[in-house]
PDB file of N, CA and C in Angstrom:
ATOM      1  N   MET A   1       8.023  20.873   5.660  1.00  0.00           N
ATOM      2  CA  MET A   1       6.855  20.182   5.097  1.00  0.00           C
ATOM      3  C   MET A   1       5.986  19.244   6.645  1.00  0.00           C
ATOM      4  N   ASP A   2       4.723  19.593   6.669  1.00  0.00           N
ATOM      5  CA  ASP A   2       3.939  19.189   7.724  1.00  0.00           C
ATOM      6  C   ASP A   2       2.636  18.323   7.419  1.00  0.00           C
ATOM      7  N   ALA A   3       3.566  16.937   6.837  1.00  0.00           N
ATOM      8  CA  ALA A   3       2.675  16.338   6.175  1.00  0.00           C
ATOM      9  C   ALA A   3       2.546  15.091   7.268  1.00  0.00           C
ATOM     10  N   ASP A   4       1.737  14.331   7.314  1.00  0.00           N
ATOM     11  CA  ASP A   4       2.071  12.650   7.818  1.00  0.00           C
ATOM     12  C   ASP A   4       2.244  11.547   6.611  1.00  0.00           C
ATOM     13  N   TYR A   5       1.516  12.063   5.619  1.00  0.00           N
ATOM     14  CA  TYR A   5       1.698  10.809   4.907  1.00  0.00           C
ATOM     15  C   TYR A   5       1.966  11.094   3.583  1.00  0.00           C
ATOM     16  N   LEU A   6       3.141  10.296   2.620  1.00  0.00           N
ATOM     17  CA  LEU A   6       2.808  10.736   1.355  1.00  0.00           C
ATOM     18  C   LEU A   6       2.638   9.549   0.378  1.00  0.00           C
ATOM     19  N   LEU A   7       1.392   9.874  -0.585  1.00  0.00           N
ATOM     20  CA  LEU A   7       0.723   9.217  -1.320  1.00  0.00           C
ATOM     21  C   LEU A   7       0.976   8.698  -2.398  1.00  0.00           C
ATOM     22  N   THR A   8       1.064   7.488  -3.115  1.00  0.00           N
ATOM     23  CA  THR A   8       1.639   7.851  -4.568  1.00  0.00           C
ATOM     24  C   THR A   8       0.445   6.443  -5.099  1.00  0.00           C
ATOM     25  N   ALA A   9       0.584   5.982  -6.162  1.00  0.00           N
ATOM     26  CA  ALA A   9      -0.478   5.025  -7.202  1.00  0.00           C
ATOM     27  C   ALA A   9       0.929   4.391  -8.219  1.00  0.00           C
ATOM     28  N   CYS A  10       1.966   5.076  -7.843  1.00  0.00           N
ATOM     29  CA  CYS A  10       2.869   4.597  -9.016  1.00  0.00           C
ATOM     30  C   CYS A  10       3.864   3.406  -8.059  1.00  0.00           C
ATOM     31  N   PRO A  11       4.209   2.035  -8.387  1.00  0.00           N
ATOM     32  CA  PRO A  11       5.101   1.373  -7.994  1.00  0.00           C
ATOM     33  C   PRO A  11       6.387   1.606  -7.861  1.00  0.00           C
ATOM     34  N   LYS A  12       6.921   2.628  -8.971  1.00  0.00           N
ATOM     35  CA  LYS A  12       8.442   3.045  -9.132  1.00  0.00           C
ATOM     36  C   LYS A  12       8.428   4.006  -7.801  1.00  0.00           C
ATOM     37  N   CYS A  13       7.894   4.838  -7.935  1.00  0.00           N
ATOM     38  CA  CYS A  13       7.877   6.383  -7.077  1.00  0.00           C
ATOM     39  C   CYS A  13       7.474   5.758  -5.607  1.00  0.00           C
ATOM     40  N   LEU A  14       6.750   4.953  -5.273  1.00  0.00           N
ATOM     41  CA  LEU A  14       6.773   4.176  -3.744  1.00  0.00           C
ATOM     42  C   LEU A  14       8.182   3.489  -3.145  1.00  0.00           C
ATOM     43  N   THR A  15       8.456   2.985  -4.356  1.00  0.00           N
ATOM     44  CA  THR A  15      10.334   2.223  -4.153  1.00  0.00           C
ATOM     45  C   THR A  15      10.888   3.400  -3.728  1.00  0.00           C
ATOM     46  N   HIS A  16      11.261   4.572  -4.444  1.00  0.00           N
ATOM     47  CA  HIS A  16      12.121   5.589  -4.456  1.00  0.00           C
ATOM     48  C   HIS A  16      11.933   6.169  -3.431  1.00  0.00           C
ATOM     49  N   PHE A  17      10.589   6.991  -3.180  1.00  0.00           N
ATOM     50  CA  PHE A  17      10.419   7.666  -2.028  1.00  0.00           C
ATOM     51  C   PHE A  17      10.605   7.021  -0.603  1.00  0.00           C
ATOM     52  N   GLY A  18      10.360   5.341  -0.699  1.00  0.00           N
ATOM     53  CA  GLY A  18      10.636   4.758   0.399  1.00  0.00           C
ATOM     54  C   GLY A  18      12.013   4.700   0.835  1.00  0.00           C
ATOM     55  N   CYS A  19      12.955   4.307  -0.226  1.00  0.00           N
ATOM     56  CA  CYS A  19      14.243   4.415  -0.107  1.00  0.00           C
ATOM     57  C   CYS A  19      15.016   5.685   0.618  1.00  0.00           C
ATOM     58  N   LEU A  20      14.260   6.957  -0.080  1.00  0.00           N
ATOM     59  CA  LEU A  20      14.576   8.318   0.196  1.00  0.00           C
ATOM     60  C   LEU A  20      14.347   8.203   1.910  1.00  0.00           C
ATOM     61  N   HIS A  21      13.054   8.102   2.177  1.00  0.00           N
ATOM     62  CA  HIS A  21      12.649   8.180   3.760  1.00  0.00           C
ATOM     63  C   HIS A  21      13.566   7.556   4.433  1.00  0.00           C
ATOM     64  N   HIS A  22      13.773   6.138   4.291  1.00  0.00           N
ATOM     65  CA  HIS A  22      14.876   5.347   4.819  1.00  0.00           C
ATOM     66  C   HIS A  22      16.271   5.639   4.995  1.00  0.00           C
ATOM     67  N   GLU A  23      16.696   6.042   3.952  1.00  0.00           N
ATOM     68  CA  GLU A  23      18.217   6.628   4.267  1.00  0.00           C
ATOM     69  C   GLU A  23      18.225   7.788   4.990  1.00  0.00           C
ATOM     70  N   ASN A  24      17.215   8.855   4.613  1.00  0.00           N
ATOM     71  CA  ASN A  24      17.294  10.013   5.700  1.00  0.00           C
ATOM     72  C   ASN A  24      16.944   9.662   6.975  1.00  0.00           C
ATOM     73  N   ARG A  25      16.055   8.826   7.468  1.00  0.00           N
ATOM     74  CA  ARG A  25      15.951   8.679   8.807  1.00  0.00           C
ATOM     75  C   ARG A  25      17.303   8.265   9.799  1.00  0.00           C
ATOM     76  N   TRP A  26      18.165   7.554   9.300  1.00  0.00           N
ATOM     77  CA  TRP A  26      18.970   7.289   9.942  1.00  0.00           C
ATOM     78  C   TRP A  26      20.199   8.079  10.159  1.00  0.00           C
ATOM     79  N   ARG A  27      20.296   9.216   9.275  1.00  0.00           N
ATOM     80  CA  ARG A  27      21.331  10.485   9.514  1.00  0.00           C
ATOM     81  C   ARG A  27      21.084  11.194  10.606  1.00  0.00           C
ATOM     82  N   PRO A  28      22.205  11.520  11.704  1.00  0.00           N
ATOM     83  CA  PRO A  28      21.952  11.866  12.792  1.00  0.00           C
ATOM     84  C   PRO A  28      21.474  13.401  12.661  1.00  0.00           C
ATOM     85  N   GLY A  29      20.511  14.178  13.306  1.00  0.00           N
ATOM     86  CA  GLY A  29      20.349  15.603  13.449  1.00  0.00           C
ATOM     87  C   GLY A  29      19.221  15.999  12.071  1.00  0.00           C
ATOM     88  N   GLU A  30      18.790  14.984  11.341  1.00  0.00           N
ATOM     89  CA  GLU A  30      18.120  15.305  10.105  1.00  0.00           C
ATOM     90  C   GLU A  30      16.646  14.737  10.138  1.00  0.00           C
ATOM     91  N   GLU A  31      15.758  15.419  10.511  1.00  0.00           N
ATOM     92  CA  GLU A  31      14.541  15.035  10.574  1.00  0.00           C
ATOM     93  C   GLU A  31      14.019  15.581   9.745  1.00  0.00           C
ATOM     94  N   ARG A  32      13.995  15.343   8.574  1.00  0.00           N
ATOM     95  CA  ARG A  32      13.126  16.206   7.525  1.00  0.00           C
ATOM     96  C   ARG A  32      12.121  15.533   6.985  1.00  0.00           C
ATOM     97  N   TYR A  33      11.993  14.031   7.174  1.00  0.00           N
ATOM     98  CA  TYR A  33      11.219  13.129   6.399  1.00  0.00           C
ATOM     99  C   TYR A  33      10.412  12.462   7.596  1.00  0.00           C
ATOM    100  N   ARG A  34       9.357  12.981   8.235  1.00  0.00           N
ATOM    101  CA  ARG A  34       8.466  12.362   9.129  1.00  0.00           C
ATOM    102  C   ARG A  34       7.201  11.675   9.042  1.00  0.00           C
ATOM    103  N   TYR A  35       7.025  11.936   7.789  1.00  0.00           N
ATOM    104  CA  TYR A  35       5.790  11.218   7.324  1.00  0.00           C
ATOM    105  C   TYR A  35       5.841   9.750   6.557  1.00  0.00           C
ATOM    106  N   LYS A  36       4.861   9.267   6.633  1.00  0.00           N
ATOM    107  CA  LYS A  36       4.855   7.615   6.229  1.00  0.00           C
ATOM    108  C   LYS A  36       4.613   7.617   4.462  1.00  0.00           C
ATOM    109  N   VAL A  37       5.348   6.839   4.097  1.00  0.00           N
ATOM    110  CA  VAL A  37       5.010   6.506   2.444  1.00  0.00           C
ATOM    111  C   VAL A  37       4.089   5.587   2.240  1.00  0.00           C
ATOM    112  N   MET A  38       2.974   5.608   1.493  1.00  0.00           N
ATOM    113  CA  MET A  38       2.242   4.738   1.435  1.00  0.00           C
ATOM    114  C   MET A  38       1.640   4.602  -0.070  1.00  0.00           C
ATOM    115  N   ASP A  39       0.814   3.519  -0.291  1.00  0.00           N
ATOM    116  CA  ASP A  39       0.162   3.397  -1.583  1.00  0.00           C
ATOM    117  C   ASP A  39      -0.873   4.077  -1.162  1.00  0.00           C
ATOM    118  N   ILE A  40      -1.716   4.654  -2.275  1.00  0.00           N
ATOM    119  CA  ILE A  40      -2.812   5.523  -1.826  1.00  0.00           C
ATOM    120  C   ILE A  40      -3.957   4.472  -2.021  1.00  0.00           C
ATOM    121  N   THR A  41      -3.921   3.304  -2.692  1.00  0.00           N
ATOM    122  CA  THR A  41      -4.977   2.537  -2.746  1.00  0.00           C
ATOM    123  C   THR A  41      -5.024   1.680  -1.139  1.00  0.00           C
ATOM    124  N   GLN A  42      -4.153   1.226  -0.672  1.00  0.00           N
ATOM    125  CA  GLN A  42      -3.761   0.984   0.778  1.00  0.00           C
ATOM    126  C   GLN A  42      -4.215   1.761   1.594  1.00  0.00           C
ATOM    127  N   PHE A  43      -3.798   3.262   1.581  1.00  0.00           N
ATOM    128  CA  PHE A  43      -4.258   4.217   2.620  1.00  0.00           C
ATOM    129  C   PHE A  43      -5.825   4.307   2.433  1.00  0.00           C
ATOM    130  N   LEU A  44      -6.317   4.056   1.265  1.00  0.00           N
ATOM    131  CA  LEU A  44      -8.032   4.718   1.456  1.00  0.00           C
ATOM    132  C   LEU A  44      -8.459   3.164   1.907  1.00  0.00           C
ATOM    133  N   ALA A  45      -8.283   2.066   1.708  1.00  0.00           N
ATOM    134  CA  ALA A  45      -8.759   0.580   2.197  1.00  0.00           C
ATOM    135  C   ALA A  45      -8.408   0.854   3.534  1.00  0.00           C
ATOM    136  N   GLU A  46      -7.595   1.096   4.164  1.00  0.00           N
ATOM    137  CA  GLU A  46      -7.338   1.349   5.622  1.00  0.00           C
ATOM    138  C   GLU A  46      -8.542   2.052   6.127  1.00  0.00           C
ATOM    139  N   ARG A  47      -8.928   2.805   5.626  1.00  0.00           N
ATOM    140  CA  ARG A  47      -9.529   4.180   6.164  1.00  0.00           C
ATOM    141  C   ARG A  47     -11.214   3.709   5.871  1.00  0.00           C
ATOM    142  N   LEU A  48     -11.627   2.788   5.042  1.00  0.00           N
ATOM    143  CA  LEU A  48     -13.209   2.266   4.532  1.00  0.00           C
ATOM    144  C   LEU A  48     -13.493   1.831   6.062  1.00  0.00           C
ATOM    145  N   PRO A  49     -14.832   1.851   6.035  1.00  0.00           N
ATOM    146  CA  PRO A  49     -15.550   1.548   7.320  1.00  0.00           C
ATOM    147  C   PRO A  49     -15.920   0.028   7.150  1.00  0.00           C
ATOM    148  N   GLY A  50     -15.943  -0.649   8.309  1.00  0.00           N
ATOM    149  CA  GLY A  50     -16.276  -2.079   8.429  1.00  0.00           C
ATOM    150  C   GLY A  50     -14.926  -2.822   8.349  1.00  0.00           C
ATOM    151  N   GLU A  51     -15.128  -4.247   8.040  1.00  0.00           N
ATOM    152  CA  GLU A  51     -14.066  -4.819   8.268  1.00  0.00           C
ATOM    153  C   GLU A  51     -14.049  -5.705   7.000  1.00  0.00           C
ATOM    154  N   TYR A  52     -12.730  -6.110   6.617  1.00  0.00           N
ATOM    155  CA  TYR A  52     -11.980  -6.702   5.505  1.00  0.00           C
ATOM    156  C   TYR A  52     -12.642  -8.197   5.834  1.00  0.00           C
ATOM    157  N   PRO A  53     -13.175  -8.850   5.272  1.00  0.00           N
ATOM    158  CA  PRO A  53     -13.602 -10.411   5.151  1.00  0.00           C
ATOM    159  C   PRO A  53     -12.355 -11.586   4.937  1.00  0.00           C
ATOM    160  N   THR A  54     -11.824 -12.456   5.866  1.00  0.00           N
ATOM    161  CA  THR A  54     -10.619 -13.289   5.779  1.00  0.00           C
ATOM    162  C   THR A  54     -11.326 -14.612   5.985  1.00  0.00           C
ATOM    163  N   GLY A  55     -10.185 -15.448   5.719  1.00  0.00           N
ATOM    164  CA  GLY A  55     -10.915 -16.579   6.277  1.00  0.00           C
ATOM    165  C   GLY A  55     -11.092 -17.937   5.111  1.00  0.00           C
ATOM    166  N   SER A  56     -11.174 -19.120   5.527  1.00  0.00           N
ATOM    167  CA  SER A  56     -11.317 -20.158   4.376  1.00  0.00           C
ATOM    168  C   SER A  56     -13.248 -19.757   3.808  1.00  0.00           C
ATOM    169  N   ASN A  57     -14.097 -19.376   4.487  1.00  0.00           N
ATOM    170  CA  ASN A  57     -15.257 -19.024   3.634  1.00  0.00           C
ATOM    171  C   ASN A  57     -14.821 -18.058   2.556  1.00  0.00           C
ATOM    172  N   VAL A  58     -14.515 -17.184   2.715  1.00  0.00           N
ATOM    173  CA  VAL A  58     -14.397 -16.151   1.714  1.00  0.00           C
ATOM    174  C   VAL A  58     -13.363 -16.579   0.499  1.00  0.00           C
ATOM    175  N   ASP A  59     -12.419 -17.384   0.825  1.00  0.00           N
ATOM    176  CA  ASP A  59     -11.631 -17.998   0.037  1.00  0.00           C
ATOM    177  C   ASP A  59     -12.087 -19.197  -0.894  1.00  0.00           C
ATOM    178  N   ALA A  60     -13.076 -20.117  -0.280  1.00  0.00           N
ATOM    179  CA  ALA A  60     -13.984 -20.806  -0.901  1.00  0.00           C
ATOM    180  C   ALA A  60     -14.832 -20.298  -1.648  1.00  0.00           C
ATOM    181  N   LYS A  61     -15.558 -19.326  -1.693  1.00  0.00           N
ATOM    182  CA  LYS A  61     -16.501 -18.312  -2.232  1.00  0.00           C
ATOM    183  C   LYS A  61     -16.231 -17.589  -3.677  1.00  0.00           C
ATOM    184  N   ARG A  62     -14.516 -17.253  -3.353  1.00  0.00           N
ATOM    185  CA  ARG A  62     -14.223 -16.840  -4.611  1.00  0.00           C
ATOM    186  C   ARG A  62     -14.016 -17.461  -5.702  1.00  0.00           C
ATOM    187  N   LYS A  63     -14.259 -16.976  -6.783  1.00  0.00           N
ATOM    188  CA  LYS A  63     -14.029 -17.867  -8.234  1.00  0.00           C
ATOM    189  C   LYS A  63     -13.020 -17.633  -8.927  1.00  0.00           C
ATOM    190  N   GLU A  64     -12.196 -18.401  -9.267  1.00  0.00           N
ATOM    191  CA  GLU A  64     -11.204 -17.486 -10.429  1.00  0.00           C
ATOM    192  C   GLU A  64     -12.110 -17.890 -11.881  1.00  0.00           C
ATOM    193  N   PRO A  65     -11.551 -16.793 -12.754  1.00  0.00           N
ATOM    194  CA  PRO A  65     -12.162 -16.589 -14.173  1.00  0.00           C
ATOM    195  C   PRO A  65     -11.435 -17.721 -15.042  1.00  0.00           C
ATOM    196  N   PRO A  66     -12.584 -18.294 -16.168  1.00  0.00           N
ATOM    197  CA  PRO A  66     -11.550 -19.226 -16.299  1.00  0.00           C
ATOM    198  C   PRO A  66     -10.573 -18.862 -17.413  1.00  0.00           C
ATOM    199  N   LEU A  67      -9.715 -19.863 -17.629  1.00  0.00           N
ATOM    200  CA  LEU A  67      -8.398 -19.710 -18.438  1.00  0.00           C
ATOM    201  C   LEU A  67      -9.028 -19.567 -19.846  1.00  0.00           C
ATOM    202  N   PRO A  68      -8.204 -18.563 -20.641  1.00  0.00           N
ATOM    203  CA  PRO A  68      -8.653 -18.346 -22.127  1.00  0.00           C
ATOM    204  C   PRO A  68      -8.695 -19.567 -22.687  1.00  0.00           C
ATOM    205  N   GLY A  69      -9.986 -19.710 -23.811  1.00  0.00           N
ATOM    206  CA  GLY A  69      -9.983 -20.842 -24.436  1.00  0.00           C
ATOM    207  C   GLY A  69     -10.464 -22.286 -23.766  1.00  0.00           C
ATOM    208  N   ARG A  70     -10.939 -22.155 -22.636  1.00  0.00           N
ATOM    209  CA  ARG A  70     -11.064 -23.056 -21.661  1.00  0.00           C
ATOM    210  C   ARG A  70     -12.286 -22.720 -21.069  1.00  0.00           C
ATOM    211  N   ARG A  71     -13.636 -23.592 -20.943  1.00  0.00           N
ATOM    212  CA  ARG A  71     -14.843 -23.334 -20.397  1.00  0.00           C
ATOM    213  C   ARG A  71     -14.990 -23.414 -18.772  1.00  0.00           C
ATOM    214  N   GLY A  72     -15.401 -22.472 -18.414  1.00  0.00           N
ATOM    215  CA  GLY A  72     -15.563 -22.418 -16.854  1.00  0.00           C
ATOM    216  C   GLY A  72     -16.830 -22.813 -16.134  1.00  0.00           C
TER     217      GLY A  72
END
């Protein structure tokens, strides 16, 4: 297989493929798994143009939705 990434949206698959990749990486003479296992959302987010805003200004502007049964 000649791929750089193995992408999945399933958290269980991400865990299992990550374990398989990690276990086989340490076997001497076996280099079958040279790809990186990633969540597809993270993969796409890292490739979007622009920068991800961080810091206290962004956190202060973020508004949590009101709890059920309460007015917000």
